[in-house]
Amino acid sequence: MIQSGLAHNYAQHEKLLYRWIGRDIENGLPAKANGELPPIKPAELTDQQRKTYLSRLEDALNPKHGLRARVPEEQLGFEKMSWKPSLPSLSFTELSLTSSQNHCRLYGRLGFAFTKQSILAMPGRPVAYIPGGAADPTLARLLRLQANIQSKCGKSIHADFEYLLHFYKRLRFQLLRQKAPKHPARKTEQQGIVPKKAQVEVNPHFPKTKPLPYLEEQEWRVVIQDSSRFAPAPAKDATPAVWFPIVPKYQLLLVVVPDNIMLLNILRCQALRDRLYPANGRPVQLISHEAIHRL
């Protein structure tokens, strides 16, 4: 009945923003040197992984906790002139539920869905993607503005500009390695058979690239300018984190859990049912990740 309700409101749920978590729970490998995340290998969850996922859900629905916000591990620019985020934030994707399979292989299978209006009120905004290299005019102007503001303006103005910079994100262009064309061997009297050196031609104006990381994710972001207002959250590494509380009956519309077993465990838990289905508010819909392909 819960999942049929989701199918009934299919058009609405295709317009939500989703935050997916759990990569660390499913033993996701660390990012490569170029920032690329190796996909999680799909596998049936262990009981311990389900317990950890359940703990994350309990934190998210706890009014004293919420979603864990941390400083993004990103960089705009290049070695001599660059900028890194310093404020904790929450990231959401505009990818629809039925288009989320590959996205979940990168970030995990526990999803929290919100309306765009609720994210705007948090307040959140869409991320602006820029190449972020030495020749990018947008980046050059942003970094020049940052340097001028930092040297000539007060701390409050500098902090405001730093906040705005968090809504820019660097695209990573990855050229596909093209196969060298086959050339017939040429024969010389002195050297015998010598293969002609293969030349790989790449059109500089329209290079073949992999799908652009990040751009397809259509990210929205909530940046926390004053993290002292929020309780500190346990950090998975040295990066500080804070709890960002969410209100189920007003902000959170849908929770996607990793599998059917976890869904049943949630329905058997009175405390979680009380948070998901409040007596005087809109209930939060619940669906198993295993059911997404049937929508």
C-alpha atoms as a PDB file:
ATOM      1  CA  MET A   1       0.000   0.000   0.000  1.00  0.00           C
ATOM      2  CA  ILE A   2       2.868   2.350   0.800  1.00  0.00           C
ATOM      3  CA  GLN A   3       4.592   1.656  -2.502  1.00  0.00           C
ATOM      4  CA  SER A   4       1.370   1.872  -4.528  1.00  0.00           C
ATOM      5  CA  GLY A   5       0.874   5.361  -3.073  1.00  0.00           C
ATOM      6  CA  LEU A   6       4.268   6.325  -4.471  1.00  0.00           C
ATOM      7  CA  ALA A   7       3.317   5.062  -7.918  1.00  0.00           C
ATOM      8  CA  HIS A   8       0.052   7.029  -7.700  1.00  0.00           C
ATOM      9  CA  ASN A   9       2.051  10.243  -7.122  1.00  0.00           C
ATOM     10  CA  TYR A  10       4.714   9.358  -9.702  1.00  0.00           C
ATOM     11  CA  ALA A  11       4.713  12.765 -11.408  1.00  0.00           C
ATOM     12  CA  GLN A  12       5.251  14.547  -8.089  1.00  0.00           C
ATOM     13  CA  HIS A  13       8.123  12.309  -7.005  1.00  0.00           C
ATOM     14  CA  GLU A  14       9.950  12.792 -10.269  1.00  0.00           C
ATOM     15  CA  LYS A  15      10.293  16.492  -9.352  1.00  0.00           C
ATOM     16  CA  LEU A  16      11.796  16.054  -5.879  1.00  0.00           C
ATOM     17  CA  LEU A  17      15.384  16.631  -4.777  1.00  0.00           C
ATOM     18  CA  TYR A  18      17.140  13.615  -3.257  1.00  0.00           C
ATOM     19  CA  ARG A  19      19.987  13.215  -0.833  1.00  0.00           C
ATOM     20  CA  TRP A  20      21.549   9.747  -1.077  1.00  0.00           C
ATOM     21  CA  ILE A  21      23.890   8.414   1.617  1.00  0.00           C
ATOM     22  CA  GLY A  22      25.540   5.139   2.625  1.00  0.00           C
ATOM     23  CA  ARG A  23      28.588   4.821   0.404  1.00  0.00           C
ATOM     24  CA  ASP A  24      30.805   4.174   3.430  1.00  0.00           C
ATOM     25  CA  ILE A  25      28.354   1.569   4.748  1.00  0.00           C
ATOM     26  CA  GLU A  26      28.644  -0.412   1.512  1.00  0.00           C
ATOM     27  CA  ASN A  27      32.453  -0.369   1.578  1.00  0.00           C
ATOM     28  CA  GLY A  28      32.864   2.204  -1.169  1.00  0.00           C
ATOM     29  CA  LEU A  29      36.485   2.769  -2.175  1.00  0.00           C
ATOM     30  CA  PRO A  30      38.011   6.245  -1.630  1.00  0.00           C
ATOM     31  CA  ALA A  31      38.043   8.748  -4.475  1.00  0.00           C
ATOM     32  CA  LYS A  32      40.815   8.537  -7.048  1.00  0.00           C
ATOM     33  CA  ALA A  33      43.452  11.246  -7.423  1.00  0.00           C
ATOM     34  CA  ASN A  34      41.342  12.998 -10.078  1.00  0.00           C
ATOM     35  CA  GLY A  35      38.307  13.049  -7.754  1.00  0.00           C
ATOM     36  CA  GLU A  36      36.448  10.226  -9.498  1.00  0.00           C
ATOM     37  CA  LEU A  37      34.484   7.906  -7.207  1.00  0.00           C
ATOM     38  CA  PRO A  38      34.699   4.174  -8.003  1.00  0.00           C
ATOM     39  CA  PRO A  39      31.156   2.740  -8.132  1.00  0.00           C
ATOM     40  CA  ILE A  40      29.927   0.546  -5.278  1.00  0.00           C
ATOM     41  CA  LYS A  41      29.641  -3.087  -6.298  1.00  0.00           C
ATOM     42  CA  PRO A  42      25.982  -4.130  -5.916  1.00  0.00           C
ATOM     43  CA  ALA A  43      25.594  -6.850  -3.289  1.00  0.00           C
ATOM     44  CA  GLU A  44      23.050  -8.081  -0.775  1.00  0.00           C
ATOM     45  CA  LEU A  45      23.398  -6.186   2.494  1.00  0.00           C
ATOM     46  CA  THR A  46      24.608  -7.909   5.632  1.00  0.00           C
ATOM     47  CA  ASP A  47      22.664  -7.616   8.879  1.00  0.00           C
ATOM     48  CA  GLN A  48      25.331  -5.267  10.226  1.00  0.00           C
ATOM     49  CA  GLN A  49      25.057  -2.990   7.179  1.00  0.00           C
ATOM     50  CA  ARG A  50      21.281  -2.835   7.622  1.00  0.00           C
ATOM     51  CA  LYS A  51      21.750  -1.891  11.294  1.00  0.00           C
ATOM     52  CA  THR A  52      24.126   0.908  10.313  1.00  0.00           C
ATOM     53  CA  TYR A  53      21.715   2.147   7.664  1.00  0.00           C
ATOM     54  CA  LEU A  54      18.926   2.039  10.251  1.00  0.00           C
ATOM     55  CA  SER A  55      21.062   4.088  12.646  1.00  0.00           C
ATOM     56  CA  ARG A  56      21.559   6.734   9.935  1.00  0.00           C
ATOM     57  CA  LEU A  57      17.813   6.892   9.397  1.00  0.00           C
ATOM     58  CA  GLU A  58      17.210   7.251  13.138  1.00  0.00           C
ATOM     59  CA  ASP A  59      19.696  10.143  13.225  1.00  0.00           C
ATOM     60  CA  ALA A  60      17.993  11.840  10.282  1.00  0.00           C
ATOM     61  CA  LEU A  61      14.564  11.645  11.928  1.00  0.00           C
ATOM     62  CA  ASN A  62      15.863  12.639  15.369  1.00  0.00           C
ATOM     63  CA  PRO A  63      14.907  16.312  16.032  1.00  0.00           C
ATOM     64  CA  LYS A  64      18.187  16.773  17.952  1.00  0.00           C
ATOM     65  CA  HIS A  65      20.256  15.375  15.079  1.00  0.00           C
ATOM     66  CA  GLY A  66      19.267  15.348  11.383  1.00  0.00           C
ATOM     67  CA  LEU A  67      21.357  14.955   8.236  1.00  0.00           C
ATOM     68  CA  ARG A  68      25.139  15.089   8.617  1.00  0.00           C
ATOM     69  CA  ALA A  69      26.629  18.145   6.888  1.00  0.00           C
ATOM     70  CA  ARG A  70      30.358  18.352   6.217  1.00  0.00           C
ATOM     71  CA  VAL A  71      32.827  20.466   4.247  1.00  0.00           C
ATOM     72  CA  PRO A  72      33.030  19.289   0.601  1.00  0.00           C
ATOM     73  CA  GLU A  73      36.375  17.947  -0.591  1.00  0.00           C
ATOM     74  CA  GLU A  74      36.602  20.109  -3.692  1.00  0.00           C
ATOM     75  CA  GLN A  75      38.780  22.740  -5.285  1.00  0.00           C
ATOM     76  CA  LEU A  76      38.186  25.524  -7.766  1.00  0.00           C
ATOM     77  CA  GLY A  77      41.144  26.518  -9.860  1.00  0.00           C
ATOM     78  CA  PHE A  78      44.662  25.240 -10.208  1.00  0.00           C
ATOM     79  CA  GLU A  79      47.860  25.059  -8.162  1.00  0.00           C
ATOM     80  CA  LYS A  80      48.918  28.718  -8.200  1.00  0.00           C
ATOM     81  CA  MET A  81      45.426  30.172  -7.905  1.00  0.00           C
ATOM     82  CA  SER A  82      42.686  28.136  -6.260  1.00  0.00           C
ATOM     83  CA  TRP A  83      39.940  28.109  -3.656  1.00  0.00           C
ATOM     84  CA  LYS A  84      38.572  25.338  -1.432  1.00  0.00           C
ATOM     85  CA  PRO A  85      35.229  25.257   0.439  1.00  0.00           C
ATOM     86  CA  SER A  86      35.401  25.910   4.168  1.00  0.00           C
ATOM     87  CA  LEU A  87      31.759  25.653   5.247  1.00  0.00           C
ATOM     88  CA  PRO A  88      29.767  22.453   5.879  1.00  0.00           C
ATOM     89  CA  SER A  89      27.016  21.780   3.387  1.00  0.00           C
ATOM     90  CA  LEU A  90      24.396  19.275   2.274  1.00  0.00           C
ATOM     91  CA  SER A  91      24.163  18.169  -1.350  1.00  0.00           C
ATOM     92  CA  PHE A  92      21.018  17.049  -3.170  1.00  0.00           C
ATOM     93  CA  THR A  93      20.468  15.777  -6.690  1.00  0.00           C
ATOM     94  CA  GLU A  94      17.751  16.742  -9.124  1.00  0.00           C
ATOM     95  CA  LEU A  95      17.979  13.303 -10.750  1.00  0.00           C
ATOM     96  CA  SER A  96      14.577  11.641 -10.643  1.00  0.00           C
ATOM     97  CA  LEU A  97      13.958   8.508  -8.636  1.00  0.00           C
ATOM     98  CA  THR A  98      13.743   6.333 -11.732  1.00  0.00           C
ATOM     99  CA  SER A  99      17.062   7.736 -13.006  1.00  0.00           C
ATOM    100  CA  SER A 100      18.955   7.246  -9.752  1.00  0.00           C
ATOM    101  CA  GLN A 101      20.403   3.752 -10.119  1.00  0.00           C
ATOM    102  CA  ASN A 102      23.870   4.811 -11.281  1.00  0.00           C
ATOM    103  CA  HIS A 103      23.866   7.734  -8.849  1.00  0.00           C
ATOM    104  CA  CYS A 104      23.173   5.360  -5.938  1.00  0.00           C
ATOM    105  CA  ARG A 105      26.123   3.205  -6.972  1.00  0.00           C
ATOM    106  CA  LEU A 106      28.279   6.214  -6.136  1.00  0.00           C
ATOM    107  CA  TYR A 107      26.640   7.551  -2.975  1.00  0.00           C
ATOM    108  CA  GLY A 108      24.584   4.794  -1.326  1.00  0.00           C
ATOM    109  CA  ARG A 109      21.034   3.453  -1.236  1.00  0.00           C
ATOM    110  CA  LEU A 110      19.386   5.437   1.579  1.00  0.00           C
ATOM    111  CA  GLY A 111      17.574   8.421   0.085  1.00  0.00           C
ATOM    112  CA  PHE A 112      15.759  11.428   1.531  1.00  0.00           C
ATOM    113  CA  ALA A 113      13.443  13.356  -0.805  1.00  0.00           C
ATOM    114  CA  PHE A 114      12.413  17.002  -0.469  1.00  0.00           C
ATOM    115  CA  THR A 115      10.451  19.494  -2.549  1.00  0.00           C
ATOM    116  CA  LYS A 116      12.446  22.245  -4.231  1.00  0.00           C
ATOM    117  CA  GLN A 117      10.462  24.783  -2.219  1.00  0.00           C
ATOM    118  CA  SER A 118      11.608  23.243   1.064  1.00  0.00           C
ATOM    119  CA  ILE A 119      15.260  23.215  -0.066  1.00  0.00           C
ATOM    120  CA  LEU A 120      15.000  26.862  -1.147  1.00  0.00           C
ATOM    121  CA  ALA A 121      13.632  27.697   2.306  1.00  0.00           C
ATOM    122  CA  MET A 122      16.488  25.927   4.161  1.00  0.00           C
ATOM    123  CA  PRO A 123      18.009  27.943   2.268  1.00  0.00           C
ATOM    124  CA  GLY A 124      19.476  25.974  -0.627  1.00  0.00           C
ATOM    125  CA  ARG A 125      20.300  26.807  -4.240  1.00  0.00           C
ATOM    126  CA  PRO A 126      21.288  25.017  -7.469  1.00  0.00           C
ATOM    127  CA  VAL A 127      25.031  24.690  -7.981  1.00  0.00           C
ATOM    128  CA  ALA A 128      26.636  26.577 -10.890  1.00  0.00           C
ATOM    129  CA  TYR A 129      29.125  24.381 -12.766  1.00  0.00           C
ATOM    130  CA  ILE A 130      32.274  25.907 -14.267  1.00  0.00           C
ATOM    131  CA  PRO A 131      35.350  24.299 -15.879  1.00  0.00           C
ATOM    132  CA  GLY A 132      37.545  25.712 -13.116  1.00  0.00           C
ATOM    133  CA  GLY A 133      40.785  25.729 -15.098  1.00  0.00           C
ATOM    134  CA  ALA A 134      43.362  28.426 -15.827  1.00  0.00           C
ATOM    135  CA  ALA A 135      41.594  29.547 -19.016  1.00  0.00           C
ATOM    136  CA  ASP A 136      38.104  29.780 -17.505  1.00  0.00           C
ATOM    137  CA  PRO A 137      36.992  33.458 -17.381  1.00  0.00           C
ATOM    138  CA  THR A 138      34.393  32.892 -14.659  1.00  0.00           C
ATOM    139  CA  LEU A 139      36.914  31.324 -12.305  1.00  0.00           C
ATOM    140  CA  ALA A 140      39.506  34.040 -12.992  1.00  0.00           C
ATOM    141  CA  ARG A 141      37.031  36.760 -12.097  1.00  0.00           C
ATOM    142  CA  LEU A 142      35.801  34.960  -8.989  1.00  0.00           C
ATOM    143  CA  LEU A 143      39.326  34.499  -7.662  1.00  0.00           C
ATOM    144  CA  ARG A 144      40.282  38.106  -8.461  1.00  0.00           C
ATOM    145  CA  LEU A 145      37.191  39.311  -6.619  1.00  0.00           C
ATOM    146  CA  GLN A 146      38.063  37.087  -3.682  1.00  0.00           C
ATOM    147  CA  ALA A 147      41.614  38.467  -3.511  1.00  0.00           C
ATOM    148  CA  ASN A 148      40.412  42.100  -3.709  1.00  0.00           C
ATOM    149  CA  ILE A 149      37.683  41.589  -1.117  1.00  0.00           C
ATOM    150  CA  GLN A 150      40.073  39.814   1.216  1.00  0.00           C
ATOM    151  CA  SER A 151      42.661  42.612   1.028  1.00  0.00           C
ATOM    152  CA  LYS A 152      40.412  45.684   0.928  1.00  0.00           C
ATOM    153  CA  CYS A 153      37.135  44.792   2.672  1.00  0.00           C
ATOM    154  CA  GLY A 154      36.110  43.785   6.159  1.00  0.00           C
ATOM    155  CA  LYS A 155      35.744  40.241   7.449  1.00  0.00           C
ATOM    156  CA  SER A 156      31.945  40.233   7.100  1.00  0.00           C
ATOM    157  CA  ILE A 157      32.060  41.084   3.377  1.00  0.00           C
ATOM    158  CA  HIS A 158      34.780  38.503   2.804  1.00  0.00           C
ATOM    159  CA  ALA A 159      32.687  35.877   4.644  1.00  0.00           C
ATOM    160  CA  ASP A 160      29.646  36.733   2.516  1.00  0.00           C
ATOM    161  CA  PHE A 161      31.621  36.274  -0.707  1.00  0.00           C
ATOM    162  CA  GLU A 162      33.119  33.011   0.578  1.00  0.00           C
ATOM    163  CA  TYR A 163      29.561  31.789   1.196  1.00  0.00           C
ATOM    164  CA  LEU A 164      28.575  32.565  -2.402  1.00  0.00           C
ATOM    165  CA  LEU A 165      31.634  30.740  -3.752  1.00  0.00           C
ATOM    166  CA  HIS A 166      30.302  27.503  -2.217  1.00  0.00           C
ATOM    167  CA  PHE A 167      27.630  27.439  -4.933  1.00  0.00           C
ATOM    168  CA  TYR A 168      30.217  27.067  -7.704  1.00  0.00           C
ATOM    169  CA  LYS A 169      31.571  23.650  -8.556  1.00  0.00           C
ATOM    170  CA  ARG A 170      34.341  22.521 -10.867  1.00  0.00           C
ATOM    171  CA  LEU A 171      33.654  20.205 -13.757  1.00  0.00           C
ATOM    172  CA  ARG A 172      36.242  17.547 -14.435  1.00  0.00           C
ATOM    173  CA  PHE A 173      36.750  16.953 -18.151  1.00  0.00           C
ATOM    174  CA  GLN A 174      38.110  13.494 -18.882  1.00  0.00           C
ATOM    175  CA  LEU A 175      39.234  12.855 -22.453  1.00  0.00           C
ATOM    176  CA  LEU A 176      38.459   9.405 -23.709  1.00  0.00           C
ATOM    177  CA  ARG A 177      41.514   7.489 -24.830  1.00  0.00           C
ATOM    178  CA  GLN A 178      40.985   6.981 -28.521  1.00  0.00           C
ATOM    179  CA  LYS A 179      42.206   3.906 -30.305  1.00  0.00           C
ATOM    180  CA  ALA A 180      45.069   4.498 -32.675  1.00  0.00           C
ATOM    181  CA  PRO A 181      44.155   3.897 -36.331  1.00  0.00           C
ATOM    182  CA  LYS A 182      45.650   0.851 -37.932  1.00  0.00           C
ATOM    183  CA  HIS A 183      48.381   1.642 -40.452  1.00  0.00           C
ATOM    184  CA  PRO A 184      49.963  -0.902 -42.765  1.00  0.00           C
ATOM    185  CA  ALA A 185      53.596  -1.628 -42.009  1.00  0.00           C
ATOM    186  CA  ARG A 186      56.085  -0.095 -44.406  1.00  0.00           C
ATOM    187  CA  LYS A 187      59.205  -1.879 -45.578  1.00  0.00           C
ATOM    188  CA  THR A 188      62.671  -0.415 -45.891  1.00  0.00           C
ATOM    189  CA  GLU A 189      65.754  -2.126 -47.310  1.00  0.00           C
ATOM    190  CA  GLN A 190      67.955  -1.199 -44.354  1.00  0.00           C
ATOM    191  CA  GLN A 191      65.600  -1.839 -41.414  1.00  0.00           C
ATOM    192  CA  GLY A 192      63.221  -4.464 -42.681  1.00  0.00           C
ATOM    193  CA  ILE A 193      59.626  -4.265 -41.485  1.00  0.00           C
ATOM    194  CA  VAL A 194      58.989  -1.097 -39.440  1.00  0.00           C
ATOM    195  CA  PRO A 195      55.495  -0.257 -38.180  1.00  0.00           C
ATOM    196  CA  LYS A 196      54.408   3.253 -38.954  1.00  0.00           C
ATOM    197  CA  LYS A 197      53.952   5.292 -35.780  1.00  0.00           C
ATOM    198  CA  ALA A 198      50.286   5.635 -34.969  1.00  0.00           C
ATOM    199  CA  GLN A 199      48.939   9.131 -34.530  1.00  0.00           C
ATOM    200  CA  VAL A 200      45.911   9.760 -32.308  1.00  0.00           C
ATOM    201  CA  GLU A 201      43.943  12.705 -33.636  1.00  0.00           C
ATOM    202  CA  VAL A 202      41.817  14.634 -31.151  1.00  0.00           C
ATOM    203  CA  ASN A 203      39.609  17.459 -32.349  1.00  0.00           C
ATOM    204  CA  PRO A 204      40.464  20.345 -29.979  1.00  0.00           C
ATOM    205  CA  HIS A 205      37.052  21.934 -30.448  1.00  0.00           C
ATOM    206  CA  PHE A 206      34.939  18.820 -29.942  1.00  0.00           C
ATOM    207  CA  PRO A 207      37.022  16.314 -27.936  1.00  0.00           C
ATOM    208  CA  LYS A 208      35.404  13.038 -27.020  1.00  0.00           C
ATOM    209  CA  THR A 209      34.821  12.973 -23.276  1.00  0.00           C
ATOM    210  CA  LYS A 210      33.309  10.728 -20.678  1.00  0.00           C
ATOM    211  CA  PRO A 211      29.991  11.876 -19.186  1.00  0.00           C
ATOM    212  CA  LEU A 212      30.952  14.993 -17.240  1.00  0.00           C
ATOM    213  CA  PRO A 213      31.218  14.097 -13.546  1.00  0.00           C
ATOM    214  CA  TYR A 214      28.932  16.216 -11.362  1.00  0.00           C
ATOM    215  CA  LEU A 215      27.079  17.923 -14.228  1.00  0.00           C
ATOM    216  CA  GLU A 216      24.668  15.028 -14.712  1.00  0.00           C
ATOM    217  CA  GLU A 217      23.941  15.030 -10.975  1.00  0.00           C
ATOM    218  CA  GLN A 218      22.223  18.440 -11.236  1.00  0.00           C
ATOM    219  CA  GLU A 219      23.274  19.296  -7.706  1.00  0.00           C
ATOM    220  CA  TRP A 220      21.539  21.621  -5.260  1.00  0.00           C
ATOM    221  CA  ARG A 221      23.333  22.637  -2.084  1.00  0.00           C
ATOM    222  CA  VAL A 222      22.502  23.936   1.397  1.00  0.00           C
ATOM    223  CA  VAL A 223      25.532  25.792   2.806  1.00  0.00           C
ATOM    224  CA  ILE A 224      25.732  26.384   6.556  1.00  0.00           C
ATOM    225  CA  GLN A 225      27.283  29.802   7.121  1.00  0.00           C
ATOM    226  CA  ASP A 226      27.053  29.757  10.945  1.00  0.00           C
ATOM    227  CA  SER A 227      27.838  26.186  11.968  1.00  0.00           C
ATOM    228  CA  SER A 228      28.013  27.208  15.650  1.00  0.00           C
ATOM    229  CA  ARG A 229      24.203  27.168  15.688  1.00  0.00           C
ATOM    230  CA  PHE A 230      24.202  23.424  14.971  1.00  0.00           C
ATOM    231  CA  ALA A 231      25.296  20.515  17.132  1.00  0.00           C
ATOM    232  CA  PRO A 232      28.566  18.819  16.142  1.00  0.00           C
ATOM    233  CA  ALA A 233      28.116  15.429  14.494  1.00  0.00           C
ATOM    234  CA  PRO A 234      30.546  12.485  14.624  1.00  0.00           C
ATOM    235  CA  ALA A 235      32.981  12.815  11.754  1.00  0.00           C
ATOM    236  CA  LYS A 236      33.897   9.778   9.659  1.00  0.00           C
ATOM    237  CA  ASP A 237      37.370  11.272   9.177  1.00  0.00           C
ATOM    238  CA  ALA A 238      39.201  14.433  10.191  1.00  0.00           C
ATOM    239  CA  THR A 239      36.630  16.657   8.420  1.00  0.00           C
ATOM    240  CA  PRO A 240      34.331  18.405  10.958  1.00  0.00           C
ATOM    241  CA  ALA A 241      30.607  17.768  10.588  1.00  0.00           C
ATOM    242  CA  VAL A 242      27.389  19.161  12.062  1.00  0.00           C
ATOM    243  CA  TRP A 243      23.824  17.907  12.381  1.00  0.00           C
ATOM    244  CA  PHE A 244      21.316  19.714  10.153  1.00  0.00           C
ATOM    245  CA  PRO A 245      17.817  19.015  11.573  1.00  0.00           C
ATOM    246  CA  ILE A 246      14.938  18.265   9.190  1.00  0.00           C
ATOM    247  CA  VAL A 247      11.209  18.192   9.917  1.00  0.00           C
ATOM    248  CA  PRO A 248       9.559  15.041   8.506  1.00  0.00           C
ATOM    249  CA  LYS A 249       5.984  16.222   8.194  1.00  0.00           C
ATOM    250  CA  TYR A 250       6.857  19.596   6.611  1.00  0.00           C
ATOM    251  CA  GLN A 251      10.111  19.116   4.689  1.00  0.00           C
ATOM    252  CA  LEU A 252      10.764  15.415   4.147  1.00  0.00           C
ATOM    253  CA  LEU A 253       8.281  13.764   1.766  1.00  0.00           C
ATOM    254  CA  LEU A 254       9.828  10.392   1.002  1.00  0.00           C
ATOM    255  CA  VAL A 255      12.440   7.980   2.341  1.00  0.00           C
ATOM    256  CA  VAL A 256      13.989   5.311   0.097  1.00  0.00           C
ATOM    257  CA  VAL A 257      15.540   2.432   2.078  1.00  0.00           C
ATOM    258  CA  PRO A 258      18.112  -0.017   0.661  1.00  0.00           C
ATOM    259  CA  ASP A 259      16.009  -3.201   0.557  1.00  0.00           C
ATOM    260  CA  ASN A 260      12.720  -4.861   1.523  1.00  0.00           C
ATOM    261  CA  ILE A 261      14.128  -6.380   4.717  1.00  0.00           C
ATOM    262  CA  MET A 262      15.054  -2.962   6.067  1.00  0.00           C
ATOM    263  CA  LEU A 263      11.647  -1.622   5.092  1.00  0.00           C
ATOM    264  CA  LEU A 264       9.981  -4.319   7.197  1.00  0.00           C
ATOM    265  CA  ASN A 265      12.331  -3.609  10.117  1.00  0.00           C
ATOM    266  CA  ILE A 266      11.351   0.068  10.002  1.00  0.00           C
ATOM    267  CA  LEU A 267       7.624  -0.721   9.984  1.00  0.00           C
ATOM    268  CA  ARG A 268       8.119  -2.928  13.055  1.00  0.00           C
ATOM    269  CA  CYS A 269       9.784  -0.094  14.992  1.00  0.00           C
ATOM    270  CA  GLN A 270       7.225   2.017  16.857  1.00  0.00           C
ATOM    271  CA  ALA A 271       9.571   4.986  17.346  1.00  0.00           C
ATOM    272  CA  LEU A 272      10.331   5.225  13.627  1.00  0.00           C
ATOM    273  CA  ARG A 273       6.667   4.812  12.692  1.00  0.00           C
ATOM    274  CA  ASP A 274       5.777   7.709  15.003  1.00  0.00           C
ATOM    275  CA  ARG A 275       8.293   9.950  13.250  1.00  0.00           C
ATOM    276  CA  LEU A 276       7.328   8.858   9.733  1.00  0.00           C
ATOM    277  CA  TYR A 277       3.571   8.891  10.335  1.00  0.00           C
ATOM    278  CA  PRO A 278       2.832  11.740  12.784  1.00  0.00           C
ATOM    279  CA  ALA A 279      -0.703  11.942  14.175  1.00  0.00           C
ATOM    280  CA  ASN A 280      -1.159  15.597  13.184  1.00  0.00           C
ATOM    281  CA  GLY A 281       0.812  15.977   9.978  1.00  0.00           C
ATOM    282  CA  ARG A 282       1.518  14.676   6.519  1.00  0.00           C
ATOM    283  CA  PRO A 283       3.034  11.162   6.556  1.00  0.00           C
ATOM    284  CA  VAL A 284       6.405  10.458   5.004  1.00  0.00           C
ATOM    285  CA  GLN A 285       6.162   7.896   2.220  1.00  0.00           C
ATOM    286  CA  LEU A 286       8.415   4.874   2.411  1.00  0.00           C
ATOM    287  CA  ILE A 287       9.719   2.737  -0.446  1.00  0.00           C
ATOM    288  CA  SER A 288      12.355   0.073  -0.915  1.00  0.00           C
ATOM    289  CA  HIS A 289      15.197   0.706  -3.343  1.00  0.00           C
ATOM    290  CA  GLU A 290      14.382  -2.702  -4.815  1.00  0.00           C
ATOM    291  CA  ALA A 291      11.025  -1.358  -6.033  1.00  0.00           C
ATOM    292  CA  ILE A 292      12.353   1.614  -8.008  1.00  0.00           C
ATOM    293  CA  HIS A 293      12.716  -0.343 -11.260  1.00  0.00           C
ATOM    294  CA  ARG A 294       8.992  -1.202 -11.130  1.00  0.00           C
ATOM    295  CA  LEU A 295       7.839   2.436 -11.174  1.00  0.00           C
END
